[in-house]
N, C-alpha and C. Protein backbone atom coordinates (compact mmCIF):
# COMPACT_ATOMS: atom_id res chain seq x y z
N MET A 1 -12.00 -13.99 -7.14
CA MET A 1 -10.82 -14.27 -7.94
C MET A 1 -9.97 -15.31 -7.18
N LYS A 2 -9.55 -16.34 -7.86
CA LYS A 2 -8.73 -17.34 -7.25
C LYS A 2 -7.27 -17.18 -7.70
N ILE A 3 -6.34 -17.19 -6.73
CA ILE A 3 -4.95 -17.10 -7.05
C ILE A 3 -4.25 -18.29 -6.43
N LEU A 4 -3.41 -18.97 -7.21
CA LEU A 4 -2.62 -20.07 -6.64
C LEU A 4 -1.26 -19.53 -6.14
N LEU A 5 -1.01 -19.72 -4.89
CA LEU A 5 0.19 -19.20 -4.27
C LEU A 5 1.46 -19.60 -4.98
N THR A 6 1.52 -20.89 -5.43
CA THR A 6 2.71 -21.36 -6.08
C THR A 6 2.91 -20.77 -7.48
N ASP A 7 1.88 -20.07 -8.01
CA ASP A 7 2.07 -19.36 -9.27
C ASP A 7 2.83 -18.03 -9.01
N ILE A 8 2.83 -17.59 -7.78
CA ILE A 8 3.47 -16.31 -7.42
C ILE A 8 4.83 -16.46 -6.82
N VAL A 9 5.01 -17.43 -5.95
CA VAL A 9 6.30 -17.63 -5.21
C VAL A 9 6.71 -19.09 -5.32
N SER A 10 8.04 -19.27 -5.15
CA SER A 10 8.58 -20.61 -5.20
C SER A 10 8.79 -21.19 -3.82
N ASP A 11 8.70 -20.32 -2.78
CA ASP A 11 8.86 -20.77 -1.40
C ASP A 11 7.94 -19.90 -0.53
N THR A 12 7.70 -20.44 0.69
CA THR A 12 6.85 -19.70 1.62
C THR A 12 7.61 -19.54 2.97
N TYR A 13 8.92 -19.27 2.84
CA TYR A 13 9.72 -19.09 4.06
C TYR A 13 10.54 -17.83 4.09
N SER A 14 10.71 -17.13 2.99
CA SER A 14 11.57 -15.96 2.99
C SER A 14 10.75 -14.65 2.96
N ASN A 15 11.37 -13.62 3.47
CA ASN A 15 10.78 -12.28 3.40
C ASN A 15 10.61 -11.86 1.95
N ALA A 16 11.55 -12.17 1.09
CA ALA A 16 11.51 -11.77 -0.33
C ALA A 16 10.29 -12.40 -0.98
N ALA A 17 10.00 -13.66 -0.75
CA ALA A 17 8.82 -14.34 -1.29
C ALA A 17 7.54 -13.73 -0.74
N GLY A 18 7.56 -13.43 0.58
CA GLY A 18 6.41 -12.81 1.19
C GLY A 18 6.09 -11.44 0.58
N TYR A 19 7.14 -10.70 0.31
CA TYR A 19 6.98 -9.38 -0.32
C TYR A 19 6.44 -9.51 -1.73
N SER A 20 6.84 -10.51 -2.44
CA SER A 20 6.33 -10.76 -3.79
C SER A 20 4.83 -10.99 -3.75
N LEU A 21 4.37 -11.80 -2.74
CA LEU A 21 2.97 -12.04 -2.57
C LEU A 21 2.23 -10.78 -2.20
N TYR A 22 2.83 -10.03 -1.27
CA TYR A 22 2.24 -8.72 -0.83
C TYR A 22 1.97 -7.84 -2.05
N LEU A 23 2.91 -7.73 -2.95
CA LEU A 23 2.74 -6.85 -4.13
C LEU A 23 1.60 -7.31 -5.01
N VAL A 24 1.50 -8.59 -5.25
CA VAL A 24 0.39 -9.12 -6.04
C VAL A 24 -0.95 -8.92 -5.37
N LEU A 25 -1.04 -9.23 -4.09
CA LEU A 25 -2.31 -9.10 -3.37
C LEU A 25 -2.70 -7.61 -3.26
N LYS A 26 -1.75 -6.73 -3.02
CA LYS A 26 -2.07 -5.32 -2.88
C LYS A 26 -2.66 -4.81 -4.20
N ASN A 27 -2.06 -5.20 -5.28
CA ASN A 27 -2.53 -4.79 -6.62
C ASN A 27 -3.94 -5.30 -6.87
N LYS A 28 -4.19 -6.56 -6.55
CA LYS A 28 -5.49 -7.18 -6.78
C LYS A 28 -6.54 -6.61 -5.85
N LEU A 29 -6.20 -6.22 -4.68
CA LEU A 29 -7.13 -5.72 -3.67
C LEU A 29 -7.61 -4.29 -3.93
N LYS A 30 -6.95 -3.56 -4.83
CA LYS A 30 -7.33 -2.21 -5.14
C LYS A 30 -8.83 -2.08 -5.53
N ASP A 31 -9.32 -3.13 -6.19
CA ASP A 31 -10.70 -3.11 -6.68
C ASP A 31 -11.69 -3.61 -5.62
N GLY A 32 -11.17 -4.02 -4.46
CA GLY A 32 -12.08 -4.52 -3.37
C GLY A 32 -12.65 -5.90 -3.69
N GLU A 33 -12.04 -6.63 -4.60
CA GLU A 33 -12.52 -7.93 -4.94
C GLU A 33 -12.00 -8.98 -3.94
N VAL A 34 -12.82 -9.97 -3.58
CA VAL A 34 -12.42 -10.99 -2.67
C VAL A 34 -11.45 -11.90 -3.41
N ILE A 35 -10.35 -12.23 -2.73
CA ILE A 35 -9.33 -13.11 -3.27
C ILE A 35 -9.33 -14.47 -2.53
N GLN A 36 -9.50 -15.51 -3.30
CA GLN A 36 -9.33 -16.84 -2.75
C GLN A 36 -7.93 -17.26 -3.01
N LEU A 37 -7.09 -17.31 -1.98
CA LEU A 37 -5.66 -17.65 -2.13
C LEU A 37 -5.45 -19.13 -1.83
N SER A 38 -5.16 -19.90 -2.92
CA SER A 38 -4.99 -21.32 -2.80
C SER A 38 -3.55 -21.62 -2.36
N PHE A 39 -3.48 -22.42 -1.28
CA PHE A 39 -2.18 -22.90 -0.78
C PHE A 39 -1.82 -24.26 -1.31
N LEU A 40 -2.55 -24.76 -2.28
CA LEU A 40 -2.37 -26.09 -2.88
C LEU A 40 -0.95 -26.22 -3.37
N GLY A 41 -0.22 -27.23 -2.87
CA GLY A 41 1.13 -27.52 -3.28
C GLY A 41 2.21 -26.69 -2.62
N ALA A 42 1.80 -25.74 -1.75
CA ALA A 42 2.78 -24.90 -1.07
C ALA A 42 3.14 -25.45 0.29
N SER A 43 4.35 -25.15 0.72
CA SER A 43 4.79 -25.56 2.05
C SER A 43 4.15 -24.69 3.10
N PRO A 44 4.13 -25.11 4.37
CA PRO A 44 3.61 -24.20 5.39
C PRO A 44 4.38 -22.88 5.49
N PRO A 45 3.71 -21.77 5.61
CA PRO A 45 4.38 -20.47 5.58
C PRO A 45 5.11 -20.13 6.86
N SER A 46 6.26 -19.55 6.79
CA SER A 46 7.00 -19.13 7.96
C SER A 46 6.48 -17.75 8.44
N THR A 47 6.85 -17.42 9.63
CA THR A 47 6.50 -16.11 10.18
C THR A 47 7.06 -14.98 9.35
N SER A 48 8.32 -15.18 8.87
CA SER A 48 8.95 -14.14 8.03
C SER A 48 8.13 -13.92 6.72
N PHE A 49 7.71 -15.03 6.13
CA PHE A 49 6.88 -14.92 4.93
C PHE A 49 5.58 -14.21 5.21
N LEU A 50 4.96 -14.57 6.29
CA LEU A 50 3.63 -13.98 6.63
C LEU A 50 3.80 -12.51 7.07
N ASN A 51 4.87 -12.15 7.76
CA ASN A 51 5.09 -10.76 8.13
C ASN A 51 5.21 -9.90 6.86
N SER A 52 5.91 -10.40 5.87
CA SER A 52 6.13 -9.59 4.69
C SER A 52 4.95 -9.59 3.71
N SER A 53 4.02 -10.44 3.87
CA SER A 53 2.86 -10.51 3.00
C SER A 53 1.57 -10.13 3.76
N PHE A 54 1.05 -11.07 4.45
CA PHE A 54 -0.19 -10.78 5.25
C PHE A 54 -0.05 -9.67 6.23
N GLY A 55 1.07 -9.71 7.01
CA GLY A 55 1.28 -8.71 8.04
C GLY A 55 1.33 -7.27 7.51
N SER A 56 2.02 -7.08 6.38
CA SER A 56 2.10 -5.79 5.79
C SER A 56 0.74 -5.29 5.31
N LEU A 57 -0.06 -6.20 4.73
CA LEU A 57 -1.40 -5.82 4.30
C LEU A 57 -2.32 -5.53 5.47
N ILE A 58 -2.23 -6.33 6.52
CA ILE A 58 -3.03 -6.08 7.74
C ILE A 58 -2.67 -4.75 8.36
N ASP A 59 -1.39 -4.39 8.39
CA ASP A 59 -0.95 -3.09 8.95
C ASP A 59 -1.55 -1.95 8.13
N GLU A 60 -1.67 -2.14 6.83
CA GLU A 60 -2.17 -1.07 5.93
C GLU A 60 -3.67 -0.94 5.94
N MET A 61 -4.38 -2.11 5.95
CA MET A 61 -5.82 -2.08 5.74
C MET A 61 -6.66 -2.48 6.95
N GLY A 62 -6.00 -2.98 7.98
CA GLY A 62 -6.69 -3.45 9.19
C GLY A 62 -7.05 -4.91 9.06
N LEU A 63 -7.15 -5.54 10.17
CA LEU A 63 -7.36 -6.98 10.22
C LEU A 63 -8.73 -7.38 9.64
N ASP A 64 -9.78 -6.66 10.04
CA ASP A 64 -11.11 -7.02 9.60
C ASP A 64 -11.29 -6.91 8.09
N ASP A 65 -10.78 -5.83 7.49
CA ASP A 65 -10.82 -5.67 6.02
C ASP A 65 -10.00 -6.77 5.35
N PHE A 66 -8.83 -7.03 5.86
CA PHE A 66 -8.02 -8.10 5.27
C PHE A 66 -8.74 -9.45 5.32
N LEU A 67 -9.30 -9.84 6.46
CA LEU A 67 -9.98 -11.09 6.61
C LEU A 67 -11.23 -11.15 5.69
N SER A 68 -11.86 -10.03 5.44
CA SER A 68 -13.03 -10.07 4.59
C SER A 68 -12.74 -10.17 3.12
N LEU A 69 -11.48 -9.80 2.71
CA LEU A 69 -11.10 -9.82 1.31
C LEU A 69 -10.08 -10.93 0.92
N VAL A 70 -9.35 -11.48 1.85
CA VAL A 70 -8.39 -12.50 1.55
C VAL A 70 -8.76 -13.78 2.20
N LYS A 71 -9.10 -14.80 1.42
CA LYS A 71 -9.62 -16.10 1.93
C LYS A 71 -8.67 -17.18 1.55
N PRO A 72 -7.88 -17.69 2.53
CA PRO A 72 -7.07 -18.88 2.22
C PRO A 72 -7.92 -20.09 1.85
N ALA A 73 -7.46 -20.87 0.87
CA ALA A 73 -8.19 -21.98 0.40
C ALA A 73 -7.27 -23.15 0.16
N GLU A 74 -7.79 -24.34 0.12
CA GLU A 74 -7.01 -25.55 -0.16
C GLU A 74 -5.76 -25.60 0.72
N VAL A 75 -6.00 -25.42 2.04
CA VAL A 75 -4.90 -25.47 3.02
C VAL A 75 -4.85 -26.79 3.71
N THR A 76 -3.64 -27.21 4.00
CA THR A 76 -3.46 -28.42 4.79
C THR A 76 -3.72 -28.10 6.26
N HIS A 77 -3.77 -29.10 7.08
CA HIS A 77 -3.96 -28.89 8.52
C HIS A 77 -2.85 -28.03 9.06
N THR A 78 -1.58 -28.29 8.68
CA THR A 78 -0.45 -27.59 9.16
C THR A 78 -0.48 -26.12 8.71
N GLN A 79 -0.83 -25.89 7.44
CA GLN A 79 -0.96 -24.52 6.95
C GLN A 79 -2.00 -23.75 7.67
N ALA A 80 -3.16 -24.40 7.89
CA ALA A 80 -4.28 -23.75 8.58
C ALA A 80 -3.87 -23.40 10.00
N SER A 81 -3.18 -24.29 10.64
CA SER A 81 -2.71 -24.03 12.03
C SER A 81 -1.80 -22.85 12.08
N MET A 82 -0.86 -22.77 11.18
CA MET A 82 0.09 -21.61 11.15
C MET A 82 -0.64 -20.33 10.85
N LEU A 83 -1.53 -20.34 9.90
CA LEU A 83 -2.30 -19.10 9.55
C LEU A 83 -3.17 -18.65 10.75
N LYS A 84 -3.80 -19.60 11.38
CA LYS A 84 -4.66 -19.32 12.56
C LYS A 84 -3.82 -18.67 13.65
N HIS A 85 -2.67 -19.27 13.91
CA HIS A 85 -1.79 -18.78 14.96
C HIS A 85 -1.30 -17.35 14.63
N TYR A 86 -1.02 -17.12 13.36
CA TYR A 86 -0.57 -15.79 12.94
C TYR A 86 -1.65 -14.76 13.12
N ILE A 87 -2.86 -15.07 12.69
CA ILE A 87 -3.96 -14.11 12.81
C ILE A 87 -4.32 -13.86 14.28
N GLN A 88 -4.23 -14.89 15.08
CA GLN A 88 -4.49 -14.72 16.51
C GLN A 88 -3.52 -13.75 17.15
N GLY A 89 -2.27 -13.74 16.63
CA GLY A 89 -1.29 -12.80 17.10
C GLY A 89 -1.69 -11.37 16.83
N PHE A 90 -2.30 -11.09 15.72
CA PHE A 90 -2.81 -9.75 15.41
C PHE A 90 -4.01 -9.42 16.28
N ARG A 91 -4.86 -10.38 16.49
CA ARG A 91 -6.05 -10.14 17.33
C ARG A 91 -5.64 -9.81 18.77
N SER A 92 -4.54 -10.38 19.25
CA SER A 92 -4.10 -10.09 20.58
C SER A 92 -3.20 -8.89 20.70
N GLY A 93 -2.96 -8.26 19.53
CA GLY A 93 -2.21 -7.03 19.55
C GLY A 93 -0.70 -7.12 19.27
N ALA A 94 -0.27 -8.34 18.98
CA ALA A 94 1.13 -8.57 18.70
C ALA A 94 1.32 -9.49 17.51
N LYS A 95 2.32 -9.24 16.66
CA LYS A 95 2.54 -10.17 15.59
C LYS A 95 3.05 -11.49 16.13
N ALA A 96 2.77 -12.54 15.40
CA ALA A 96 3.09 -13.88 15.85
C ALA A 96 4.60 -14.08 15.96
């Protein structure tokens, strides 16, 4: 299933927007379906946004399950760098 981030949120910097994404992803992940999350047209995500979306899901389901089910797509170099840095924070045992 492909989801366009900009169809869900108008920004990628606030906790509120991150929480909105969290709710949508959590609902879609109930069926165990892989989600391709397109960042096309979105600004680079802030740590606050990622904590309230990806971070909350990772805390609930574990990093490996999250990474196997949520696949960022159509990311810019800057977006990819921020996502990689954030995930590495979880791998090292601390949020970014």
